[in-house]
N, C-alpha and C. Protein backbone atom coordinates (compact mmCIF):
# COMPACT_ATOMS: atom_id res chain seq x y z
N MET A 1 54.87 -3.44 38.65
CA MET A 1 55.44 -2.01 39.24
C MET A 1 54.23 -1.91 40.45
N PRO A 2 54.48 -1.95 41.97
CA PRO A 2 52.98 -1.98 42.66
C PRO A 2 52.71 -0.65 42.67
N LYS A 3 50.94 -0.87 42.67
CA LYS A 3 50.31 0.27 42.62
C LYS A 3 50.68 1.54 43.89
N ARG A 4 50.43 2.66 43.79
CA ARG A 4 50.50 3.41 44.49
C ARG A 4 49.65 3.52 45.25
N VAL A 5 49.63 3.85 46.70
CA VAL A 5 48.18 3.95 47.95
C VAL A 5 47.90 5.25 47.77
N PRO A 6 46.82 5.38 47.38
CA PRO A 6 46.05 6.88 47.53
C PRO A 6 46.74 7.61 48.92
N ARG A 7 46.74 9.27 48.85
CA ARG A 7 47.23 9.65 49.92
C ARG A 7 45.80 9.75 50.92
N LYS A 8 45.71 9.54 52.48
CA LYS A 8 44.76 9.95 53.29
C LYS A 8 44.77 10.82 53.72
N PRO A 9 43.29 11.75 53.67
CA PRO A 9 43.00 13.03 54.33
C PRO A 9 43.72 13.39 55.29
N ARG A 10 44.35 14.85 55.59
CA ARG A 10 44.71 15.20 56.83
C ARG A 10 43.95 14.42 57.91
N PRO A 11 44.18 14.46 58.80
CA PRO A 11 43.37 14.01 60.30
C PRO A 11 43.06 15.74 61.23
N ASN A 12 41.97 15.32 61.59
CA ASN A 12 41.84 17.19 62.18
C ASN A 12 43.10 16.42 63.67
N LYS A 13 43.04 17.52 64.21
CA LYS A 13 44.49 17.41 65.23
C LYS A 13 43.66 17.67 67.14
N THR A 14 42.55 16.94 66.81
CA THR A 14 41.64 17.62 67.97
C THR A 14 42.07 16.12 69.14
N ASN A 15 42.57 14.90 68.70
CA ASN A 15 42.94 14.30 69.50
C ASN A 15 44.87 13.85 69.56
N VAL A 16 45.40 15.09 69.33
CA VAL A 16 46.81 15.28 69.37
C VAL A 16 47.38 16.22 70.42
N PRO A 17 47.91 15.48 71.17
CA PRO A 17 48.28 16.42 72.70
C PRO A 17 49.08 17.63 72.25
N LYS A 18 49.02 18.76 72.72
CA LYS A 18 49.13 19.78 72.75
C LYS A 18 51.09 20.13 72.41
N GLY A 19 51.52 20.70 71.53
CA GLY A 19 52.61 20.89 71.05
C GLY A 19 53.55 19.77 69.85
N TYR A 20 52.01 18.58 69.70
CA TYR A 20 52.55 18.03 68.96
C TYR A 20 51.94 18.13 67.28
N ASP A 21 52.52 17.83 66.47
CA ASP A 21 51.70 17.72 65.10
C ASP A 21 51.32 16.97 64.73
N SER A 22 51.15 15.65 65.31
CA SER A 22 50.47 14.48 65.11
C SER A 22 50.94 13.29 66.09
N LEU A 23 49.83 12.55 66.27
CA LEU A 23 49.78 11.44 66.95
C LEU A 23 51.55 10.86 67.02
N TRP A 24 51.52 10.22 65.46
CA TRP A 24 52.83 9.46 65.38
C TRP A 24 53.96 10.22 66.23
N GLU A 25 54.11 11.55 66.10
CA GLU A 25 55.04 12.41 66.67
C GLU A 25 55.10 12.10 68.27
N TYR A 26 54.04 12.21 68.49
CA TYR A 26 53.83 11.96 70.39
C TYR A 26 54.64 10.70 70.56
N ASP A 27 54.07 9.74 69.80
CA ASP A 27 54.03 8.69 70.13
C ASP A 27 55.59 8.18 70.15
N ILE A 28 56.28 8.57 69.46
CA ILE A 28 57.49 8.45 69.16
C ILE A 28 58.53 9.30 70.21
N HIS A 29 58.35 10.40 70.49
CA HIS A 29 59.00 11.15 71.40
C HIS A 29 58.80 10.15 73.03
N GLN A 30 57.89 9.58 73.27
CA GLN A 30 57.11 9.14 74.43
C GLN A 30 58.17 7.69 74.28
N THR A 31 58.24 7.23 73.19
CA THR A 31 59.14 5.64 73.08
C THR A 31 60.80 5.99 72.93
N ILE A 32 60.67 5.75 71.36
CA ILE A 32 62.22 5.70 71.41
C ILE A 32 62.80 7.14 71.08
N LEU A 33 62.24 8.24 70.92
CA LEU A 33 63.31 9.41 70.93
C LEU A 33 62.85 9.85 72.14
N GLN A 34 62.28 9.36 73.21
CA GLN A 34 62.28 9.94 74.40
C GLN A 34 63.63 10.91 74.99
N ASP A 35 64.74 10.58 74.84
CA ASP A 35 65.78 11.25 75.15
C ASP A 35 66.09 12.33 73.92
N TRP A 36 65.40 12.72 72.84
CA TRP A 36 65.55 13.62 72.06
C TRP A 36 64.46 15.18 72.77
N LYS A 37 65.13 15.88 72.18
CA LYS A 37 64.29 17.54 72.56
C LYS A 37 63.71 17.67 71.28
N HIS A 38 62.00 17.97 71.71
CA HIS A 38 61.09 18.06 70.70
C HIS A 38 60.88 19.32 70.64
N HIS A 39 60.82 20.19 69.25
CA HIS A 39 60.41 21.42 68.97
C HIS A 39 61.22 22.33 69.53
N TRP A 40 62.43 21.92 69.54
CA TRP A 40 63.52 22.83 70.78
C TRP A 40 63.61 24.09 69.95
N ASP A 41 63.85 24.27 68.59
CA ASP A 41 64.29 25.88 68.56
C ASP A 41 63.45 26.01 67.07
N LYS A 42 63.73 27.35 66.92
CA LYS A 42 63.20 27.59 65.47
C LYS A 42 64.32 28.09 64.55
N ILE A 43 64.43 27.44 63.41
CA ILE A 43 65.67 27.97 62.63
C ILE A 43 65.46 28.96 61.08
N GLU A 44 65.70 29.86 61.06
CA GLU A 44 65.09 30.73 60.07
C GLU A 44 65.73 30.42 58.68
N TYR A 45 65.26 30.23 57.19
CA TYR A 45 65.44 29.87 56.39
C TYR A 45 65.25 30.92 55.75
N VAL A 46 66.02 30.80 54.11
CA VAL A 46 65.71 31.81 53.23
C VAL A 46 65.66 30.99 51.55
N ILE A 47 64.81 30.98 51.06
CA ILE A 47 64.34 30.99 49.56
C ILE A 47 65.18 31.45 48.59
N HIS A 48 66.08 31.22 47.87
CA HIS A 48 66.61 32.40 46.89
C HIS A 48 65.81 31.81 45.60
N HIS A 49 65.38 33.28 45.24
CA HIS A 49 64.60 32.98 43.63
C HIS A 49 65.53 34.68 43.09
N LYS A 50 64.73 34.73 42.01
CA LYS A 50 65.39 35.63 41.03
C LYS A 50 64.49 36.48 40.32
N TYR A 51 64.22 37.68 40.58
CA TYR A 51 63.50 38.54 40.22
C TYR A 51 63.73 39.63 38.76
N GLU A 52 63.08 39.60 37.82
CA GLU A 52 63.24 40.43 36.57
C GLU A 52 62.03 41.50 36.54
N PRO A 53 62.63 42.88 36.99
CA PRO A 53 61.36 43.48 36.63
C PRO A 53 60.86 43.98 35.47
N ASP A 54 59.93 44.45 34.87
CA ASP A 54 59.08 44.57 33.60
C ASP A 54 59.96 45.69 33.01
N PHE A 55 60.74 47.10 33.91
CA PHE A 55 60.75 48.08 33.18
C PHE A 55 61.55 48.49 34.47
N VAL A 56 62.87 49.18 34.15
CA VAL A 56 63.77 49.76 34.92
C VAL A 56 64.15 51.37 33.97
N LYS A 57 64.28 52.50 35.26
CA LYS A 57 64.50 53.33 34.80
C LYS A 57 65.31 54.23 35.86
N LYS A 58 66.41 55.01 35.45
CA LYS A 58 66.99 55.60 36.84
C LYS A 58 65.97 57.22 36.90
N ILE A 59 65.63 57.43 37.68
CA ILE A 59 65.01 59.11 37.98
C ILE A 59 65.30 59.28 39.06
N GLY A 60 66.16 60.43 38.94
CA GLY A 60 66.56 61.37 40.32
C GLY A 60 67.41 60.53 41.06
N GLY A 61 68.27 59.70 40.51
CA GLY A 61 69.34 59.17 41.55
C GLY A 61 68.92 58.03 42.04
N LYS A 62 67.65 57.68 41.86
CA LYS A 62 67.16 56.38 42.13
C LYS A 62 66.61 55.51 40.99
N THR A 63 67.06 54.13 41.44
CA THR A 63 66.78 53.32 40.34
C THR A 63 65.54 52.88 40.67
N ILE A 64 64.36 53.15 39.41
CA ILE A 64 62.86 52.50 39.67
C ILE A 64 62.35 51.41 39.02
N LEU A 65 62.15 50.18 39.80
CA LEU A 65 61.73 48.66 38.99
C LEU A 65 60.31 49.41 39.01
N LEU A 66 59.70 49.12 37.82
CA LEU A 66 58.27 49.38 37.64
C LEU A 66 57.66 47.97 36.86
N GLU A 67 56.92 47.57 37.84
CA GLU A 67 56.12 46.65 37.69
C GLU A 67 54.90 46.61 37.26
N ALA A 68 54.41 46.20 35.75
CA ALA A 68 53.17 46.04 34.85
C ALA A 68 52.36 45.07 35.52
N LYS A 69 51.18 45.56 35.94
CA LYS A 69 50.45 44.17 36.73
C LYS A 69 49.07 44.61 35.86
N GLY A 70 48.34 43.38 35.20
CA GLY A 70 47.25 43.69 34.88
C GLY A 70 46.31 43.43 35.83
N ARG A 71 46.76 42.54 36.73
CA ARG A 71 46.28 42.03 37.81
C ARG A 71 46.79 40.89 38.83
N PHE A 72 46.82 40.71 40.04
CA PHE A 72 47.21 39.80 40.42
C PHE A 72 46.80 38.28 40.66
N TRP A 73 47.16 37.47 40.50
CA TRP A 73 46.43 35.60 40.38
C TRP A 73 45.86 35.55 41.63
N ASP A 74 47.43 35.22 42.45
CA ASP A 74 46.99 34.52 43.86
C ASP A 74 47.73 35.28 45.04
N TYR A 75 47.39 34.56 46.17
CA TYR A 75 48.52 34.94 47.28
C TYR A 75 50.06 34.90 46.97
N ALA A 76 50.52 33.58 46.31
CA ALA A 76 51.51 33.89 46.53
C ALA A 76 52.18 34.76 45.20
N GLU A 77 51.78 34.97 44.49
CA GLU A 77 52.17 36.29 43.41
C GLU A 77 52.39 37.53 44.23
N TYR A 78 51.46 37.79 44.54
CA TYR A 78 51.26 39.45 45.06
C TYR A 78 51.95 39.34 46.77
N SER A 79 51.91 38.12 47.37
CA SER A 79 53.38 38.20 48.67
C SER A 79 54.62 38.48 48.40
N LYS A 80 55.11 37.65 46.89
CA LYS A 80 56.86 37.93 46.76
C LYS A 80 57.14 39.08 46.13
N TYR A 81 56.02 40.33 46.12
CA TYR A 81 56.81 41.45 46.23
C TYR A 81 57.17 42.19 47.38
N ILE A 82 56.82 41.46 48.42
CA ILE A 82 56.81 42.02 49.61
C ILE A 82 58.14 41.53 50.03
N HIS A 83 58.79 40.37 49.62
CA HIS A 83 60.13 40.06 49.74
C HIS A 83 61.06 40.54 49.40
N ILE A 84 60.74 40.96 47.64
CA ILE A 84 61.39 41.59 46.53
C ILE A 84 61.97 42.67 47.39
N ARG A 85 61.08 43.73 47.52
CA ARG A 85 61.27 44.82 48.13
C ARG A 85 62.30 44.72 49.11
N GLU A 86 62.17 43.60 50.36
CA GLU A 86 62.83 44.01 51.64
C GLU A 86 64.74 43.50 51.14
N ALA A 87 64.39 42.94 49.74
CA ALA A 87 66.25 42.59 49.07
C ALA A 87 66.65 43.85 48.75
N LEU A 88 65.76 44.81 48.73
CA LEU A 88 66.21 45.88 47.65
C LEU A 88 67.11 46.90 48.53
N ASN A 89 68.01 47.63 48.27
CA ASN A 89 68.54 48.70 49.05
C ASN A 89 67.66 49.89 49.15
N LYS A 90 66.94 50.51 50.00
CA LYS A 90 65.95 51.14 49.41
C LYS A 90 66.18 52.54 49.35
N SER A 91 67.51 52.73 49.71
CA SER A 91 68.07 53.99 49.73
C SER A 91 68.57 54.47 47.74
N TYR A 92 68.45 53.39 46.67
CA TYR A 92 68.96 53.63 45.38
C TYR A 92 67.89 52.71 44.65
N THR A 93 67.10 51.92 45.40
CA THR A 93 66.22 51.33 44.39
C THR A 93 64.79 51.01 45.13
N GLU A 94 63.60 51.58 44.15
CA GLU A 94 62.28 51.55 44.50
C GLU A 94 61.44 50.46 43.45
N LEU A 95 60.78 49.55 44.04
CA LEU A 95 60.02 49.04 43.52
C LEU A 95 58.63 49.56 43.58
N VAL A 96 57.89 50.05 42.02
CA VAL A 96 56.73 50.79 42.17
C VAL A 96 55.84 49.61 40.97
N PHE A 97 54.48 50.09 41.38
CA PHE A 97 53.17 49.53 40.36
C PHE A 97 52.75 50.39 39.60
N LEU A 98 52.75 49.91 38.33
CA LEU A 98 51.60 50.42 37.37
C LEU A 98 50.47 49.34 36.95
N PHE A 99 49.43 49.94 37.34
CA PHE A 99 48.42 48.88 37.60
C PHE A 99 47.53 49.45 36.41
N GLN A 100 46.87 48.06 35.78
CA GLN A 100 46.06 48.44 34.62
C GLN A 100 44.80 48.90 35.16
N LYS A 101 44.53 47.93 36.30
CA LYS A 101 43.06 48.61 36.76
C LYS A 101 43.20 48.35 38.30
N PRO A 102 43.55 49.53 38.83
CA PRO A 102 43.79 49.56 40.45
C PRO A 102 42.86 49.12 41.35
N PHE A 103 41.76 49.54 40.77
CA PHE A 103 40.54 49.47 41.64
C PHE A 103 39.81 47.94 41.43
N ALA A 104 40.13 47.16 40.60
CA ALA A 104 39.89 45.78 40.51
C ALA A 104 40.43 45.13 41.72
N PRO A 105 39.19 44.26 42.27
CA PRO A 105 39.40 43.27 43.58
C PRO A 105 40.28 42.47 43.55
N MET A 106 41.50 41.91 44.86
CA MET A 106 42.34 40.99 44.87
C MET A 106 41.85 40.14 44.69
N PRO A 107 42.51 38.79 44.17
CA PRO A 107 41.72 37.42 44.16
C PRO A 107 41.65 37.13 45.50
N ALA A 108 40.78 36.12 45.72
CA ALA A 108 40.00 35.64 47.04
C ALA A 108 39.85 37.25 48.07
N ALA A 109 39.84 38.23 47.34
CA ALA A 109 39.31 39.43 48.56
C ALA A 109 37.74 38.94 48.85
N LYS A 110 37.65 39.20 50.10
CA LYS A 110 36.36 38.78 51.17
C LYS A 110 35.64 40.19 50.65
N THR A 111 34.16 40.21 50.88
CA THR A 111 33.37 40.82 50.61
C THR A 111 33.30 41.62 52.11
N ARG A 112 33.31 42.83 52.09
CA ARG A 112 33.25 43.89 53.27
C ARG A 112 31.81 43.87 53.76
N LYS A 113 31.61 44.41 55.04
CA LYS A 113 30.01 44.73 55.35
C LYS A 113 29.82 45.78 54.25
N ASN A 114 30.41 46.60 53.49
CA ASN A 114 29.98 47.64 52.56
C ASN A 114 29.53 47.75 51.75
N GLY A 115 30.01 45.86 51.22
CA GLY A 115 29.71 45.62 49.75
C GLY A 115 30.90 45.35 49.09
N THR A 116 31.82 45.97 49.33
CA THR A 116 33.26 46.48 48.83
C THR A 116 34.16 45.10 49.02
N LYS A 117 35.61 45.33 47.97
CA LYS A 117 36.45 44.18 48.25
C LYS A 117 37.88 44.79 48.41
N ARG A 118 38.69 43.99 48.92
CA ARG A 118 40.27 45.01 48.86
C ARG A 118 40.59 45.00 47.06
N THR A 119 40.74 46.45 46.99
CA THR A 119 41.46 46.26 45.72
C THR A 119 43.14 46.41 45.66
N HIS A 120 43.43 46.20 44.65
CA HIS A 120 45.01 46.11 43.90
C HIS A 120 45.48 47.37 44.83
N ALA A 121 45.08 48.53 44.43
CA ALA A 121 45.71 49.94 44.83
C ALA A 121 45.37 50.02 46.49
N GLU A 122 44.56 49.41 47.06
CA GLU A 122 44.60 49.16 48.72
C GLU A 122 45.79 48.10 49.29
N TRP A 123 46.04 47.04 48.32
CA TRP A 123 46.96 46.42 48.93
C TRP A 123 48.83 47.21 48.48
N ALA A 124 48.84 47.56 47.44
CA ALA A 124 49.56 48.53 47.38
C ALA A 124 49.73 49.65 48.62
N GLU A 125 49.00 50.50 48.74
CA GLU A 125 49.16 51.32 49.93
C GLU A 125 49.33 50.53 51.48
N THR A 126 48.43 49.83 51.67
CA THR A 126 48.68 48.83 52.80
C THR A 126 50.15 48.36 53.30
N ASN A 127 50.69 48.08 51.68
CA ASN A 127 52.15 47.33 52.07
C ASN A 127 53.24 48.36 51.64
N ASN A 128 52.60 49.70 51.39
CA ASN A 128 53.66 50.65 51.40
C ASN A 128 54.33 50.83 49.89
N PHE A 129 53.84 50.41 48.94
CA PHE A 129 53.99 50.76 47.81
C PHE A 129 53.82 51.58 46.83
N THR A 130 54.61 52.61 46.07
CA THR A 130 54.13 53.31 45.49
C THR A 130 53.66 52.67 44.15
N TRP A 131 52.15 53.28 43.72
CA TRP A 131 51.67 52.60 42.65
C TRP A 131 50.85 53.66 41.94
N TYR A 132 51.04 53.50 40.21
CA TYR A 132 50.37 54.54 39.39
C TYR A 132 49.39 53.58 38.44
N SER A 133 48.53 54.07 37.77
CA SER A 133 47.63 53.79 36.41
C SER A 133 48.35 54.81 35.42
N GLU A 134 47.93 53.98 34.59
CA GLU A 134 48.19 54.81 33.10
C GLU A 134 47.76 56.25 33.19
N ASP A 135 46.56 56.80 33.90
CA ASP A 135 46.04 57.96 33.97
C ASP A 135 47.04 59.07 34.89
N THR A 136 47.85 58.07 35.93
CA THR A 136 48.17 59.04 36.94
C THR A 136 49.63 58.54 36.84
N LEU A 137 50.36 58.44 35.75
CA LEU A 137 51.88 57.90 35.68
C LEU A 137 52.31 59.54 35.67
N PRO A 138 53.51 59.97 36.14
CA PRO A 138 53.80 61.17 36.33
C PRO A 138 54.85 61.23 34.89
N ASP A 139 54.43 62.52 34.61
CA ASP A 139 54.63 63.04 33.30
C ASP A 139 56.33 63.04 32.89
N ASP A 140 57.01 63.23 33.88
CA ASP A 140 58.44 62.99 33.69
C ASP A 140 58.89 61.22 33.54
N TRP A 141 58.15 60.43 33.65
CA TRP A 141 58.22 59.12 33.59
C TRP A 141 57.76 58.64 32.17
N ARG A 142 57.32 59.40 31.54
CA ARG A 142 56.43 59.44 30.26
C ARG A 142 57.95 59.36 29.42
N LYS A 143 57.64 59.15 27.88
CA LYS A 143 58.24 59.35 26.83
C LYS A 143 57.64 60.68 26.27
N ASN A 144 58.72 61.14 26.25
CA ASN A 144 58.52 62.85 25.85
C ASN A 144 57.90 62.69 24.15
N GLU A 145 56.71 63.19 23.92
CA GLU A 145 56.01 62.74 22.66
C GLU A 145 56.30 64.20 21.73
N LEU A 146 56.44 63.96 20.62
CA LEU A 146 56.97 65.13 19.88
C LEU A 146 55.69 65.53 19.29
């Protein structure tokens, strides 16, 4: 079996003509694909996924999907919740976060001039998510203890 050729690092685009992704793309457009339109249109696409909420309860005529998060690990994880919310019927369903540590910094958060980093709570507020901690969870959302 032939040995696999190692992948070359991606070159910088300083010598690539404007509007092209690579020199090769430019070259083939100038030669064998001259009569083809280049980067003619954008096509939207959707990648379907399934989401399984941690907890679900109907409260006041609305279905609450409660996502219990100790912390986010990376951009892909926390950005998916924005897509999930967009897929919901906002009249009947709401995605809410229950953070273990709402003031823990987000992954890869940059240090601000005041020395702080963006927190999970700030991310939720910026993205219009309702969030709670165990201490702030509404009483009517808790199990009634005898």
